[in-house]
Amino acid sequence: KSANMDIAGEKINGMMSRLEEALA
């Protein structure tokens, strides 16, 4: 579950980065 949470966290960070880039 910890590994899955790390993967989910990485995906969320990637989405956030793409969202920030799209909004910029």
mmCIF file of all heavy atoms, coordinates in Angstrom:
data_MODEL
# 
_entry.id   MODEL 
# 
loop_
_atom_site.group_PDB 
_atom_site.id 
_atom_site.type_symbol 
_atom_site.label_atom_id 
_atom_site.label_alt_id 
_atom_site.label_comp_id 
_atom_site.label_asym_id 
_atom_site.label_entity_id 
_atom_site.label_seq_id 
_atom_site.pdbx_PDB_ins_code 
_atom_site.Cartn_x 
_atom_site.Cartn_y 
_atom_site.Cartn_z 
_atom_site.occupancy 
_atom_site.B_iso_or_equiv 
_atom_site.pdbx_formal_charge 
_atom_site.auth_seq_id 
_atom_site.auth_comp_id 
_atom_site.auth_asym_id 
_atom_site.auth_atom_id 
_atom_site.pdbx_PDB_model_num 
ATOM 1   N N   . LYS A 1 1  ? 0.824  -1.209 0.000   1.00 0.00 ? 1  LYS A N   1 
ATOM 2   C CA  . LYS A 1 1  ? 0.000  0.000  0.000   1.00 0.00 ? 1  LYS A CA  1 
ATOM 3   C C   . LYS A 1 1  ? 0.855  1.256  0.000   1.00 0.00 ? 1  LYS A C   1 
ATOM 4   O O   . LYS A 1 1  ? 0.517  2.251  -0.648  1.00 0.00 ? 1  LYS A O   1 
ATOM 5   C CB  . LYS A 1 1  ? -0.952 -0.020 1.201   1.00 0.00 ? 1  LYS A CB  1 
ATOM 6   C CG  . LYS A 1 1  ? -2.053 -1.047 1.023   1.00 0.00 ? 1  LYS A CG  1 
ATOM 7   C CD  . LYS A 1 1  ? -3.005 -1.084 2.172   1.00 0.00 ? 1  LYS A CD  1 
ATOM 8   C CE  . LYS A 1 1  ? -4.057 -2.165 1.910   1.00 0.00 ? 1  LYS A CE  1 
ATOM 9   N NZ  . LYS A 1 1  ? -5.091 -2.206 2.892   1.00 0.00 ? 1  LYS A NZ  1 
ATOM 10  N N   . SER A 1 2  ? 1.974  1.197  0.701   1.00 0.00 ? 2  SER A N   1 
ATOM 11  C CA  . SER A 1 2  ? 2.887  2.341  0.714   1.00 0.00 ? 2  SER A CA  1 
ATOM 12  C C   . SER A 1 2  ? 3.443  2.582  -0.687  1.00 0.00 ? 2  SER A C   1 
ATOM 13  O O   . SER A 1 2  ? 3.512  3.732  -1.145  1.00 0.00 ? 2  SER A O   1 
ATOM 14  C CB  . SER A 1 2  ? 4.016  2.085  1.699   1.00 0.00 ? 2  SER A CB  1 
ATOM 15  O OG  . SER A 1 2  ? 4.949  3.142  1.668   1.00 0.00 ? 2  SER A OG  1 
ATOM 16  N N   . ALA A 1 3  ? 3.807  1.511  -1.361  1.00 0.00 ? 3  ALA A N   1 
ATOM 17  C CA  . ALA A 1 3  ? 4.316  1.649  -2.729  1.00 0.00 ? 3  ALA A CA  1 
ATOM 18  C C   . ALA A 1 3  ? 3.230  2.211  -3.642  1.00 0.00 ? 3  ALA A C   1 
ATOM 19  O O   . ALA A 1 3  ? 3.504  3.091  -4.481  1.00 0.00 ? 3  ALA A O   1 
ATOM 20  C CB  . ALA A 1 3  ? 4.804  0.297  -3.243  1.00 0.00 ? 3  ALA A CB  1 
ATOM 21  N N   . ASN A 1 4  ? 2.006  1.724  -3.466  1.00 0.00 ? 4  ASN A N   1 
ATOM 22  C CA  . ASN A 1 4  ? 0.896  2.242  -4.276  1.00 0.00 ? 4  ASN A CA  1 
ATOM 23  C C   . ASN A 1 4  ? 0.652  3.724  -3.989  1.00 0.00 ? 4  ASN A C   1 
ATOM 24  O O   . ASN A 1 4  ? 0.346  4.495  -4.902  1.00 0.00 ? 4  ASN A O   1 
ATOM 25  C CB  . ASN A 1 4  ? -0.386 1.440  -4.021  1.00 0.00 ? 4  ASN A CB  1 
ATOM 26  C CG  . ASN A 1 4  ? -0.332 0.034  -4.590  1.00 0.00 ? 4  ASN A CG  1 
ATOM 27  O OD1 . ASN A 1 4  ? 0.477  -0.252 -5.455  1.00 0.00 ? 4  ASN A OD1 1 
ATOM 28  N ND2 . ASN A 1 4  ? -1.190 -0.837 -4.100  1.00 0.00 ? 4  ASN A ND2 1 
ATOM 29  N N   . MET A 1 5  ? 0.767  4.119  -2.723  1.00 0.00 ? 5  MET A N   1 
ATOM 30  C CA  . MET A 1 5  ? 0.581  5.528  -2.369  1.00 0.00 ? 5  MET A CA  1 
ATOM 31  C C   . MET A 1 5  ? 1.696  6.376  -2.979  1.00 0.00 ? 5  MET A C   1 
ATOM 32  O O   . MET A 1 5  ? 1.444  7.512  -3.431  1.00 0.00 ? 5  MET A O   1 
ATOM 33  C CB  . MET A 1 5  ? 0.538  5.692  -0.853  1.00 0.00 ? 5  MET A CB  1 
ATOM 34  C CG  . MET A 1 5  ? -0.743 5.167  -0.232  1.00 0.00 ? 5  MET A CG  1 
ATOM 35  S SD  . MET A 1 5  ? -0.787 5.312  1.553   1.00 0.00 ? 5  MET A SD  1 
ATOM 36  C CE  . MET A 1 5  ? -0.843 7.076  1.752   1.00 0.00 ? 5  MET A CE  1 
ATOM 37  N N   . ASP A 1 6  ? 2.919  5.831  -2.995  1.00 0.00 ? 6  ASP A N   1 
ATOM 38  C CA  . ASP A 1 6  ? 4.020  6.575  -3.626  1.00 0.00 ? 6  ASP A CA  1 
ATOM 39  C C   . ASP A 1 6  ? 3.741  6.783  -5.108  1.00 0.00 ? 6  ASP A C   1 
ATOM 40  O O   . ASP A 1 6  ? 3.958  7.885  -5.646  1.00 0.00 ? 6  ASP A O   1 
ATOM 41  C CB  . ASP A 1 6  ? 5.342  5.822  -3.439  1.00 0.00 ? 6  ASP A CB  1 
ATOM 42  C CG  . ASP A 1 6  ? 5.848  5.877  -2.003  1.00 0.00 ? 6  ASP A CG  1 
ATOM 43  O OD1 . ASP A 1 6  ? 5.378  6.740  -1.227  1.00 0.00 ? 6  ASP A OD1 1 
ATOM 44  O OD2 . ASP A 1 6  ? 6.717  5.038  -1.654  1.00 0.00 ? 6  ASP A OD2 1 
ATOM 45  N N   . ILE A 1 7  ? 3.264  5.745  -5.769  1.00 0.00 ? 7  ILE A N   1 
ATOM 46  C CA  . ILE A 1 7  ? 2.942  5.841  -7.197  1.00 0.00 ? 7  ILE A CA  1 
ATOM 47  C C   . ILE A 1 7  ? 1.827  6.858  -7.417  1.00 0.00 ? 7  ILE A C   1 
ATOM 48  O O   . ILE A 1 7  ? 1.905  7.712  -8.308  1.00 0.00 ? 7  ILE A O   1 
ATOM 49  C CB  . ILE A 1 7  ? 2.546  4.455  -7.757  1.00 0.00 ? 7  ILE A CB  1 
ATOM 50  C CG1 . ILE A 1 7  ? 3.766  3.531  -7.767  1.00 0.00 ? 7  ILE A CG1 1 
ATOM 51  C CG2 . ILE A 1 7  ? 1.957  4.575  -9.153  1.00 0.00 ? 7  ILE A CG2 1 
ATOM 52  C CD1 . ILE A 1 7  ? 3.438  2.068  -8.061  1.00 0.00 ? 7  ILE A CD1 1 
ATOM 53  N N   . ALA A 1 8  ? 0.789  6.778  -6.574  1.00 0.00 ? 8  ALA A N   1 
ATOM 54  C CA  . ALA A 1 8  ? -0.325 7.726  -6.687  1.00 0.00 ? 8  ALA A CA  1 
ATOM 55  C C   . ALA A 1 8  ? 0.171  9.145  -6.440  1.00 0.00 ? 8  ALA A C   1 
ATOM 56  O O   . ALA A 1 8  ? -0.243 10.090 -7.141  1.00 0.00 ? 8  ALA A O   1 
ATOM 57  C CB  . ALA A 1 8  ? -1.430 7.357  -5.697  1.00 0.00 ? 8  ALA A CB  1 
ATOM 58  N N   . GLY A 1 9  ? 1.054  9.321  -5.468  1.00 0.00 ? 9  GLY A N   1 
ATOM 59  C CA  . GLY A 1 9  ? 1.614  10.649 -5.187  1.00 0.00 ? 9  GLY A CA  1 
ATOM 60  C C   . GLY A 1 9  ? 2.393  11.187 -6.371  1.00 0.00 ? 9  GLY A C   1 
ATOM 61  O O   . GLY A 1 9  ? 2.283  12.377 -6.712  1.00 0.00 ? 9  GLY A O   1 
ATOM 62  N N   . GLU A 1 10 ? 3.166  10.323 -7.010  1.00 0.00 ? 10 GLU A N   1 
ATOM 63  C CA  . GLU A 1 10 ? 3.932  10.744 -8.191  1.00 0.00 ? 10 GLU A CA  1 
ATOM 64  C C   . GLU A 1 10 ? 2.992  11.147 -9.327  1.00 0.00 ? 10 GLU A C   1 
ATOM 65  O O   . GLU A 1 10 ? 3.222  12.136 -10.025 1.00 0.00 ? 10 GLU A O   1 
ATOM 66  C CB  . GLU A 1 10 ? 4.861  9.616  -8.633  1.00 0.00 ? 10 GLU A CB  1 
ATOM 67  C CG  . GLU A 1 10 ? 6.018  9.376  -7.678  1.00 0.00 ? 10 GLU A CG  1 
ATOM 68  C CD  . GLU A 1 10 ? 6.835  8.134  -8.032  1.00 0.00 ? 10 GLU A CD  1 
ATOM 69  O OE1 . GLU A 1 10 ? 6.576  7.518  -9.091  1.00 0.00 ? 10 GLU A OE1 1 
ATOM 70  O OE2 . GLU A 1 10 ? 7.718  7.777  -7.234  1.00 0.00 ? 10 GLU A OE2 1 
ATOM 71  N N   . LYS A 1 11 ? 1.917  10.359 -9.493  1.00 0.00 ? 11 LYS A N   1 
ATOM 72  C CA  . LYS A 1 11 ? 0.946  10.691 -10.539 1.00 0.00 ? 11 LYS A CA  1 
ATOM 73  C C   . LYS A 1 11 ? 0.275  12.027 -10.243 1.00 0.00 ? 11 LYS A C   1 
ATOM 74  O O   . LYS A 1 11 ? 0.081  12.854 -11.149 1.00 0.00 ? 11 LYS A O   1 
ATOM 75  C CB  . LYS A 1 11 ? -0.111 9.587  -10.650 1.00 0.00 ? 11 LYS A CB  1 
ATOM 76  C CG  . LYS A 1 11 ? 0.412  8.325  -11.284 1.00 0.00 ? 11 LYS A CG  1 
ATOM 77  C CD  . LYS A 1 11 ? -0.696 7.273  -11.384 1.00 0.00 ? 11 LYS A CD  1 
ATOM 78  C CE  . LYS A 1 11 ? -0.168 5.986  -12.001 1.00 0.00 ? 11 LYS A CE  1 
ATOM 79  N NZ  . LYS A 1 11 ? -1.215 4.955  -12.091 1.00 0.00 ? 11 LYS A NZ  1 
ATOM 80  N N   . ILE A 1 12 ? -0.093 12.255 -8.991  1.00 0.00 ? 12 ILE A N   1 
ATOM 81  C CA  . ILE A 1 12 ? -0.725 13.516 -8.607  1.00 0.00 ? 12 ILE A CA  1 
ATOM 82  C C   . ILE A 1 12 ? 0.238  14.677 -8.847  1.00 0.00 ? 12 ILE A C   1 
ATOM 83  O O   . ILE A 1 12 ? -0.146 15.728 -9.383  1.00 0.00 ? 12 ILE A O   1 
ATOM 84  C CB  . ILE A 1 12 ? -1.207 13.468 -7.142  1.00 0.00 ? 12 ILE A CB  1 
ATOM 85  C CG1 . ILE A 1 12 ? -2.403 12.527 -7.017  1.00 0.00 ? 12 ILE A CG1 1 
ATOM 86  C CG2 . ILE A 1 12 ? -1.548 14.861 -6.629  1.00 0.00 ? 12 ILE A CG2 1 
ATOM 87  C CD1 . ILE A 1 12 ? -2.838 12.247 -5.597  1.00 0.00 ? 12 ILE A CD1 1 
ATOM 88  N N   . ASN A 1 13 ? 1.500  14.491 -8.462  1.00 0.00 ? 13 ASN A N   1 
ATOM 89  C CA  . ASN A 1 13 ? 2.493  15.553 -8.695  1.00 0.00 ? 13 ASN A CA  1 
ATOM 90  C C   . ASN A 1 13 ? 2.643  15.832 -10.188 1.00 0.00 ? 13 ASN A C   1 
ATOM 91  O O   . ASN A 1 13 ? 2.759  16.997 -10.605 1.00 0.00 ? 13 ASN A O   1 
ATOM 92  C CB  . ASN A 1 13 ? 3.841  15.167 -8.093  1.00 0.00 ? 13 ASN A CB  1 
ATOM 93  C CG  . ASN A 1 13 ? 3.855  15.268 -6.575  1.00 0.00 ? 13 ASN A CG  1 
ATOM 94  O OD1 . ASN A 1 13 ? 3.052  15.980 -5.994  1.00 0.00 ? 13 ASN A OD1 1 
ATOM 95  N ND2 . ASN A 1 13 ? 4.775  14.541 -5.945  1.00 0.00 ? 13 ASN A ND2 1 
ATOM 96  N N   . GLY A 1 14 ? 2.634  14.781 -10.996 1.00 0.00 ? 14 GLY A N   1 
ATOM 97  C CA  . GLY A 1 14 ? 2.727  14.963 -12.451 1.00 0.00 ? 14 GLY A CA  1 
ATOM 98  C C   . GLY A 1 14 ? 1.522  15.717 -12.979 1.00 0.00 ? 14 GLY A C   1 
ATOM 99  O O   . GLY A 1 14 ? 1.653  16.633 -13.823 1.00 0.00 ? 14 GLY A O   1 
ATOM 100 N N   . MET A 1 15 ? 0.320  15.356 -12.491 1.00 0.00 ? 15 MET A N   1 
ATOM 101 C CA  . MET A 1 15 ? -0.894 16.046 -12.928 1.00 0.00 ? 15 MET A CA  1 
ATOM 102 C C   . MET A 1 15 ? -0.872 17.499 -12.494 1.00 0.00 ? 15 MET A C   1 
ATOM 103 O O   . MET A 1 15 ? -1.294 18.402 -13.252 1.00 0.00 ? 15 MET A O   1 
ATOM 104 C CB  . MET A 1 15 ? -2.126 15.347 -12.359 1.00 0.00 ? 15 MET A CB  1 
ATOM 105 C CG  . MET A 1 15 ? -2.487 14.056 -13.039 1.00 0.00 ? 15 MET A CG  1 
ATOM 106 S SD  . MET A 1 15 ? -4.096 13.504 -12.461 1.00 0.00 ? 15 MET A SD  1 
ATOM 107 C CE  . MET A 1 15 ? -3.713 11.879 -11.920 1.00 0.00 ? 15 MET A CE  1 
ATOM 108 N N   . MET A 1 16 ? -0.413 17.746 -11.294 1.00 0.00 ? 16 MET A N   1 
ATOM 109 C CA  . MET A 1 16 ? -0.331 19.124 -10.784 1.00 0.00 ? 16 MET A CA  1 
ATOM 110 C C   . MET A 1 16 ? 0.618  19.947 -11.643 1.00 0.00 ? 16 MET A C   1 
ATOM 111 O O   . MET A 1 16 ? 0.339  21.110 -11.958 1.00 0.00 ? 16 MET A O   1 
ATOM 112 C CB  . MET A 1 16 ? 0.113  19.135 -9.321  1.00 0.00 ? 16 MET A CB  1 
ATOM 113 C CG  . MET A 1 16 ? -0.908 18.573 -8.343  1.00 0.00 ? 16 MET A CG  1 
ATOM 114 S SD  . MET A 1 16 ? -2.411 19.512 -8.271  1.00 0.00 ? 16 MET A SD  1 
ATOM 115 C CE  . MET A 1 16 ? -1.869 21.003 -7.505  1.00 0.00 ? 16 MET A CE  1 
ATOM 116 N N   . SER A 1 17 ? 1.751  19.346 -12.008 1.00 0.00 ? 17 SER A N   1 
ATOM 117 C CA  . SER A 1 17 ? 2.730  20.056 -12.842 1.00 0.00 ? 17 SER A CA  1 
ATOM 118 C C   . SER A 1 17 ? 2.111  20.380 -14.192 1.00 0.00 ? 17 SER A C   1 
ATOM 119 O O   . SER A 1 17 ? 2.248  21.519 -14.695 1.00 0.00 ? 17 SER A O   1 
ATOM 120 C CB  . SER A 1 17 ? 3.980  19.222 -13.069 1.00 0.00 ? 17 SER A CB  1 
ATOM 121 O OG  . SER A 1 17 ? 4.661  19.052 -11.848 1.00 0.00 ? 17 SER A OG  1 
ATOM 122 N N   . ARG A 1 18 ? 1.414  19.419 -14.773 1.00 0.00 ? 18 ARG A N   1 
ATOM 123 C CA  . ARG A 1 18 ? 0.790  19.653 -16.076 1.00 0.00 ? 18 ARG A CA  1 
ATOM 124 C C   . ARG A 1 18 ? -0.324 20.694 -15.952 1.00 0.00 ? 18 ARG A C   1 
ATOM 125 O O   . ARG A 1 18 ? -0.490 21.562 -16.838 1.00 0.00 ? 18 ARG A O   1 
ATOM 126 C CB  . ARG A 1 18 ? 0.244  18.359 -16.663 1.00 0.00 ? 18 ARG A CB  1 
ATOM 127 C CG  . ARG A 1 18 ? 1.326  17.418 -17.168 1.00 0.00 ? 18 ARG A CG  1 
ATOM 128 C CD  . ARG A 1 18 ? 0.786  16.287 -18.008 1.00 0.00 ? 18 ARG A CD  1 
ATOM 129 N NE  . ARG A 1 18 ? -0.137 15.399 -17.297 1.00 0.00 ? 18 ARG A NE  1 
ATOM 130 C CZ  . ARG A 1 18 ? 0.221  14.360 -16.531 1.00 0.00 ? 18 ARG A CZ  1 
ATOM 131 N NH1 . ARG A 1 18 ? 1.506  14.077 -16.388 1.00 0.00 ? 18 ARG A NH1 1 
ATOM 132 N NH2 . ARG A 1 18 ? -0.696 13.632 -15.961 1.00 0.00 ? 18 ARG A NH2 1 
ATOM 133 N N   . LEU A 1 19 ? -1.063 20.643 -14.856 1.00 0.00 ? 19 LEU A N   1 
ATOM 134 C CA  . LEU A 1 19 ? -2.124 21.640 -14.648 1.00 0.00 ? 19 LEU A CA  1 
ATOM 135 C C   . LEU A 1 19 ? -1.533 23.026 -14.484 1.00 0.00 ? 19 LEU A C   1 
ATOM 136 O O   . LEU A 1 19 ? -2.056 24.004 -15.088 1.00 0.00 ? 19 LEU A O   1 
ATOM 137 C CB  . LEU A 1 19 ? -2.955 21.258 -13.409 1.00 0.00 ? 19 LEU A CB  1 
ATOM 138 C CG  . LEU A 1 19 ? -4.106 22.170 -13.034 1.00 0.00 ? 19 LEU A CG  1 
ATOM 139 C CD1 . LEU A 1 19 ? -5.136 22.242 -14.164 1.00 0.00 ? 19 LEU A CD1 1 
ATOM 140 C CD2 . LEU A 1 19 ? -4.756 21.714 -11.745 1.00 0.00 ? 19 LEU A CD2 1 
ATOM 141 N N   . GLU A 1 20 ? -0.460 23.139 -13.715 1.00 0.00 ? 20 GLU A N   1 
ATOM 142 C CA  . GLU A 1 20 ? 0.206  24.439 -13.533 1.00 0.00 ? 20 GLU A CA  1 
ATOM 143 C C   . GLU A 1 20 ? 0.723  24.954 -14.854 1.00 0.00 ? 20 GLU A C   1 
ATOM 144 O O   . GLU A 1 20 ? 0.636  26.162 -15.172 1.00 0.00 ? 20 GLU A O   1 
ATOM 145 C CB  . GLU A 1 20 ? 1.320  24.322 -12.503 1.00 0.00 ? 20 GLU A CB  1 
ATOM 146 C CG  . GLU A 1 20 ? 0.828  24.170 -11.080 1.00 0.00 ? 20 GLU A CG  1 
ATOM 147 C CD  . GLU A 1 20 ? 1.947  23.886 -10.077 1.00 0.00 ? 20 GLU A CD  1 
ATOM 148 O OE1 . GLU A 1 20 ? 3.115  23.691 -10.498 1.00 0.00 ? 20 GLU A OE1 1 
ATOM 149 O OE2 . GLU A 1 20 ? 1.645  23.859 -8.875  1.00 0.00 ? 20 GLU A OE2 1 
ATOM 150 N N   . GLU A 1 21 ? 1.280  24.068 -15.689 1.00 0.00 ? 21 GLU A N   1 
ATOM 151 C CA  . GLU A 1 21 ? 1.791  24.480 -16.976 1.00 0.00 ? 21 GLU A CA  1 
ATOM 152 C C   . GLU A 1 21 ? 0.640  24.923 -17.895 1.00 0.00 ? 21 GLU A C   1 
ATOM 153 O O   . GLU A 1 21 ? 0.767  25.906 -18.645 1.00 0.00 ? 21 GLU A O   1 
ATOM 154 C CB  . GLU A 1 21 ? 2.545  23.316 -17.660 1.00 0.00 ? 21 GLU A CB  1 
ATOM 155 C CG  . GLU A 1 21 ? 3.876  23.016 -17.017 1.00 0.00 ? 21 GLU A CG  1 
ATOM 156 C CD  . GLU A 1 21 ? 4.538  21.754 -17.602 1.00 0.00 ? 21 GLU A CD  1 
ATOM 157 O OE1 . GLU A 1 21 ? 4.010  21.200 -18.600 1.00 0.00 ? 21 GLU A OE1 1 
ATOM 158 O OE2 . GLU A 1 21 ? 5.566  21.353 -17.064 1.00 0.00 ? 21 GLU A OE2 1 
ATOM 159 N N   . ALA A 1 22 ? -0.493 24.217 -17.784 1.00 0.00 ? 22 ALA A N   1 
ATOM 160 C CA  . ALA A 1 22 ? -1.633 24.570 -18.622 1.00 0.00 ? 22 ALA A CA  1 
ATOM 161 C C   . ALA A 1 22 ? -2.233 25.894 -18.214 1.00 0.00 ? 22 ALA A C   1 
ATOM 162 O O   . ALA A 1 22 ? -2.734 26.656 -19.041 1.00 0.00 ? 22 ALA A O   1 
ATOM 163 C CB  . ALA A 1 22 ? -2.691 23.458 -18.553 1.00 0.00 ? 22 ALA A CB  1 
ATOM 164 N N   . LEU A 1 23 ? -2.206 26.187 -16.915 1.00 0.00 ? 23 LEU A N   1 
ATOM 165 C CA  . LEU A 1 23 ? -2.762 27.441 -16.417 1.00 0.00 ? 23 LEU A CA  1 
ATOM 166 C C   . LEU A 1 23 ? -1.822 28.621 -16.580 1.00 0.00 ? 23 LEU A C   1 
ATOM 167 O O   . LEU A 1 23 ? -2.242 29.780 -16.502 1.00 0.00 ? 23 LEU A O   1 
ATOM 168 C CB  . LEU A 1 23 ? -3.160 27.299 -14.942 1.00 0.00 ? 23 LEU A CB  1 
ATOM 169 C CG  . LEU A 1 23 ? -4.316 26.338 -14.649 1.00 0.00 ? 23 LEU A CG  1 
ATOM 170 C CD1 . LEU A 1 23 ? -4.502 26.193 -13.136 1.00 0.00 ? 23 LEU A CD1 1 
ATOM 171 C CD2 . LEU A 1 23 ? -5.588 26.834 -15.319 1.00 0.00 ? 23 LEU A CD2 1 
ATOM 172 N N   . ALA A 1 24 ? -0.563 28.341 -16.807 1.00 0.00 ? 24 ALA A N   1 
ATOM 173 C CA  . ALA A 1 24 ? 0.422  29.429 -16.893 1.00 0.00 ? 24 ALA A CA  1 
ATOM 174 C C   . ALA A 1 24 ? 0.425  30.117 -18.225 1.00 0.00 ? 24 ALA A C   1 
ATOM 175 O O   . ALA A 1 24 ? -0.146 29.946 -19.175 1.00 0.00 ? 24 ALA A O   1 
ATOM 176 C CB  . ALA A 1 24 ? 1.800  28.905 -16.611 1.00 0.00 ? 24 ALA A CB  1 
# 
